[in-house]
Amino acid sequence: MRSSKSRSRAKNNRNRASGGNVVNRVFDSSGPEGKVRGTPQQIIDKYNQLARDAQLSNDRVAAENFQQHAEHYLRLLGEAQREMEARREEQERQNRERQAERDRERAERQEREAARQADPAETPQPDVLDIGSDVEVPESGLVETPESKGAEPEVAERKEKPARRPRGRKPKQPEAEQTAPSDGDAPEAAE
């Protein structure tokens, strides 16, 4: 009785031949002399060696059998190499097309840039201020807002007001004025 693992392994080997990298894949080949394991090129070499050995021992049936096994893997390897070559050529063709598209886009950009530089209407124009008009142009280059217009008169008023003297203590009166009696009053004696 065969285990399910070996059946699934054999089934996978049959299905793998069509896709993937067959050139480097390891196969298990069940030939007349038993299993041969390796890449397609290694299996081909092994079956060719077994066919030569069979021929030297005058076993033409075994030699033909080994040659047929070798031919199977030779066809498998040849097909895989043709597919790889076709895939490589397709990638090269796509790369050439992408490069040609990039070159066309670059040429179009250069043409547009050259046309823009040649056309004076397309060139960037400098900012021009009309100084002769009645509109007041702020010197700072900032946009006037209602808040800034309302703040300007206050600033002007502050400049027009005279500066205040700093508040300090009252100046001291000379001592003669402090102790001098008035006309009708007599100084009181200290008790």
Protein backbone atom coordinates (compact mmCIF):
# COMPACT_ATOMS: atom_id res chain seq x y z
CA MET A 1 0.00 0.00 0.00
CA ARG A 2 1.38 3.42 -1.01
CA SER A 3 1.29 6.31 1.42
CA SER A 4 -0.64 9.42 0.55
CA LYS A 5 2.54 11.46 0.88
CA SER A 6 4.30 9.68 -1.97
CA ARG A 7 1.20 9.92 -4.18
CA SER A 8 0.93 13.66 -3.61
CA ARG A 9 4.64 14.10 -4.29
CA ALA A 10 4.35 12.28 -7.62
CA LYS A 11 1.25 14.26 -8.50
CA ASN A 12 3.09 17.53 -7.77
CA ASN A 13 5.97 16.54 -10.04
CA ARG A 14 3.59 15.99 -12.97
CA ASN A 15 1.95 19.39 -12.48
CA ARG A 16 5.14 21.38 -11.99
CA ALA A 17 6.56 20.80 -15.44
CA SER A 18 4.42 23.54 -16.99
CA GLY A 19 5.26 26.40 -14.66
CA GLY A 20 8.12 27.81 -12.67
CA ASN A 21 11.81 27.36 -13.12
CA VAL A 22 12.12 23.83 -14.52
CA VAL A 23 15.82 24.21 -15.29
CA ASN A 24 16.84 24.27 -11.60
CA ARG A 25 14.03 22.13 -10.15
CA VAL A 26 14.89 18.75 -8.67
CA PHE A 27 12.87 15.86 -10.09
CA ASP A 28 12.44 12.26 -8.96
CA SER A 29 12.44 10.03 -12.04
CA SER A 30 11.34 6.41 -11.71
CA GLY A 31 13.26 4.60 -14.43
CA PRO A 32 13.81 0.89 -15.14
CA GLU A 33 16.82 0.77 -12.81
CA GLY A 34 15.09 2.59 -9.95
CA LYS A 35 14.78 6.24 -8.97
CA VAL A 36 17.00 8.90 -10.46
CA ARG A 37 16.95 12.22 -8.64
CA GLY A 38 18.27 15.61 -9.82
CA THR A 39 17.77 18.54 -12.12
CA PRO A 40 16.69 17.77 -15.70
CA GLN A 41 20.29 18.09 -16.93
CA GLN A 42 21.57 15.72 -14.22
CA ILE A 43 18.82 13.20 -15.00
CA ILE A 44 19.63 13.38 -18.74
CA ASP A 45 23.31 12.76 -18.01
CA LYS A 46 22.49 9.81 -15.71
CA TYR A 47 20.14 8.15 -18.24
CA ASN A 48 22.68 8.64 -21.04
CA GLN A 49 25.33 6.97 -18.87
CA LEU A 50 22.95 4.07 -18.10
CA ALA A 51 22.16 3.75 -21.86
CA ARG A 52 25.92 3.53 -22.68
CA ASP A 53 26.38 0.92 -19.97
CA ALA A 54 23.44 -1.10 -21.34
CA GLN A 55 24.85 -0.87 -24.88
CA LEU A 56 28.24 -2.10 -23.70
CA SER A 57 26.56 -5.09 -22.08
CA ASN A 58 24.68 -5.77 -25.37
CA ASP A 59 21.24 -5.03 -23.83
CA ARG A 60 19.63 -3.09 -26.68
CA VAL A 61 16.17 -3.01 -25.05
CA ALA A 62 17.46 -1.44 -21.80
CA ALA A 63 19.65 0.99 -23.80
CA GLU A 64 16.61 2.14 -25.82
CA ASN A 65 14.55 2.47 -22.64
CA PHE A 66 17.21 4.67 -20.97
CA GLN A 67 17.53 6.77 -24.14
CA GLN A 68 13.77 7.34 -24.17
CA HIS A 69 13.86 8.46 -20.54
CA ALA A 70 16.77 10.80 -21.33
CA GLU A 71 14.90 12.15 -24.37
CA HIS A 72 11.83 12.93 -22.20
CA TYR A 73 13.89 15.09 -19.84
CA LEU A 74 15.76 16.59 -22.79
CA ARG A 75 12.46 17.75 -24.29
CA LEU A 76 11.30 19.04 -20.90
CA LEU A 77 14.54 21.00 -20.49
CA GLY A 78 14.43 22.34 -24.06
CA GLU A 79 10.85 23.55 -23.64
CA ALA A 80 11.71 25.25 -20.34
CA GLN A 81 14.69 26.99 -21.95
CA ARG A 82 12.55 28.18 -24.88
CA GLU A 83 9.98 29.56 -22.43
CA MET A 84 12.71 31.35 -20.47
CA GLU A 85 14.13 32.81 -23.68
CA ALA A 86 10.67 33.97 -24.80
CA ARG A 87 10.03 35.52 -21.37
CA ARG A 88 13.40 37.29 -21.47
CA GLU A 89 12.74 38.64 -24.98
CA GLU A 90 9.28 39.86 -23.88
CA GLN A 91 10.80 41.68 -20.91
CA GLU A 92 13.44 43.26 -23.15
CA ARG A 93 10.72 44.37 -25.60
CA GLN A 94 8.70 45.90 -22.75
CA ASN A 95 11.80 47.66 -21.43
CA ARG A 96 12.52 49.09 -24.89
CA GLU A 97 8.91 50.31 -25.17
CA ARG A 98 9.04 51.93 -21.72
CA GLN A 99 12.36 53.60 -22.57
CA ALA A 100 10.95 54.86 -25.89
CA GLU A 101 7.90 56.26 -24.04
CA ARG A 102 10.17 58.01 -21.52
CA ASP A 103 12.24 59.45 -24.36
CA ARG A 104 9.07 60.73 -26.11
CA GLU A 105 7.82 62.34 -22.90
CA ARG A 106 11.20 63.96 -22.28
CA ALA A 107 11.27 65.32 -25.85
CA GLU A 108 7.72 66.70 -25.47
CA ARG A 109 8.65 68.41 -22.19
CA GLN A 110 11.70 69.97 -23.82
CA GLU A 111 9.61 71.16 -26.77
CA ARG A 112 7.01 72.71 -24.44
CA GLU A 113 9.76 74.39 -22.43
CA ALA A 114 11.40 75.74 -25.59
CA ALA A 115 8.02 77.01 -26.85
CA ARG A 116 7.28 78.63 -23.50
CA GLN A 117 10.63 80.43 -23.51
CA ALA A 118 10.13 81.58 -27.10
CA ASP A 119 6.59 82.92 -26.46
CA PRO A 120 6.73 86.18 -24.45
CA ALA A 121 3.10 85.76 -23.35
CA GLU A 122 4.06 82.51 -21.60
CA THR A 123 7.09 83.90 -19.78
CA PRO A 124 6.55 84.88 -16.15
CA GLN A 125 5.91 88.61 -15.85
CA PRO A 126 7.34 90.77 -13.06
CA ASP A 127 4.97 92.39 -10.60
CA VAL A 128 4.26 96.00 -11.60
CA LEU A 129 2.94 98.62 -9.16
CA ASP A 130 1.05 101.64 -10.48
CA ILE A 131 2.44 104.43 -8.32
CA GLY A 132 0.66 107.20 -10.17
CA SER A 133 -2.79 106.07 -9.04
CA ASP A 134 -4.76 107.41 -6.06
CA VAL A 135 -4.51 104.12 -4.24
CA GLU A 136 -2.06 104.22 -1.37
CA VAL A 137 0.52 101.45 -1.66
CA PRO A 138 1.77 100.13 1.67
CA GLU A 139 5.52 100.28 1.92
CA SER A 140 5.82 96.95 3.70
CA GLY A 141 4.19 95.07 0.86
CA LEU A 142 1.56 93.71 3.25
CA VAL A 143 -2.15 93.80 2.53
CA GLU A 144 -4.11 96.50 4.34
CA THR A 145 -6.89 95.25 6.59
CA PRO A 146 -9.59 97.22 8.43
CA GLU A 147 -7.80 96.50 11.70
CA SER A 148 -4.57 97.99 10.44
CA LYS A 149 -6.39 101.06 9.07
CA GLY A 150 -8.07 101.68 12.43
CA ALA A 151 -4.79 101.30 14.31
CA GLU A 152 -2.92 103.92 12.30
CA PRO A 153 -4.70 107.06 13.72
CA GLU A 154 -4.06 105.86 17.25
CA VAL A 155 -0.39 105.61 16.51
CA ALA A 156 -0.46 109.11 15.06
CA GLU A 157 -2.28 110.46 18.15
CA ARG A 158 0.27 108.97 20.46
CA LYS A 159 3.04 110.68 18.58
CA GLU A 160 1.32 114.09 18.85
CA LYS A 161 0.73 114.01 22.63
CA PRO A 162 3.52 115.40 24.75
CA ALA A 163 5.36 112.92 26.85
CA ARG A 164 4.31 112.77 30.50
CA ARG A 165 6.68 113.31 33.32
CA PRO A 166 7.12 110.32 35.47
CA ARG A 167 5.14 110.42 38.69
CA GLY A 168 7.19 110.57 41.78
CA ARG A 169 6.99 111.94 45.34
CA LYS A 170 6.08 115.52 45.99
CA PRO A 171 9.13 117.65 46.40
CA LYS A 172 9.97 118.37 50.01
CA GLN A 173 9.28 121.90 51.22
CA PRO A 174 12.15 123.73 52.82
CA GLU A 175 12.19 123.35 56.62
CA ALA A 176 11.75 127.07 57.20
CA GLU A 177 8.32 126.95 55.66
CA GLN A 178 7.29 123.92 57.67
CA THR A 179 8.10 125.43 61.15
CA ALA A 180 7.23 129.07 60.49
CA PRO A 181 4.14 130.14 62.49
CA SER A 182 1.32 131.85 60.82
CA ASP A 183 0.23 135.43 61.90
CA GLY A 184 -2.09 134.81 64.78
CA ASP A 185 -1.06 131.51 65.99
CA ALA A 186 1.52 130.93 68.57
CA PRO A 187 3.51 127.90 68.69
CA GLU A 188 2.40 125.53 71.29
CA ALA A 189 4.79 124.34 73.78
CA ALA A 190 5.52 120.79 74.01
CA GLU A 191 4.14 119.37 77.20
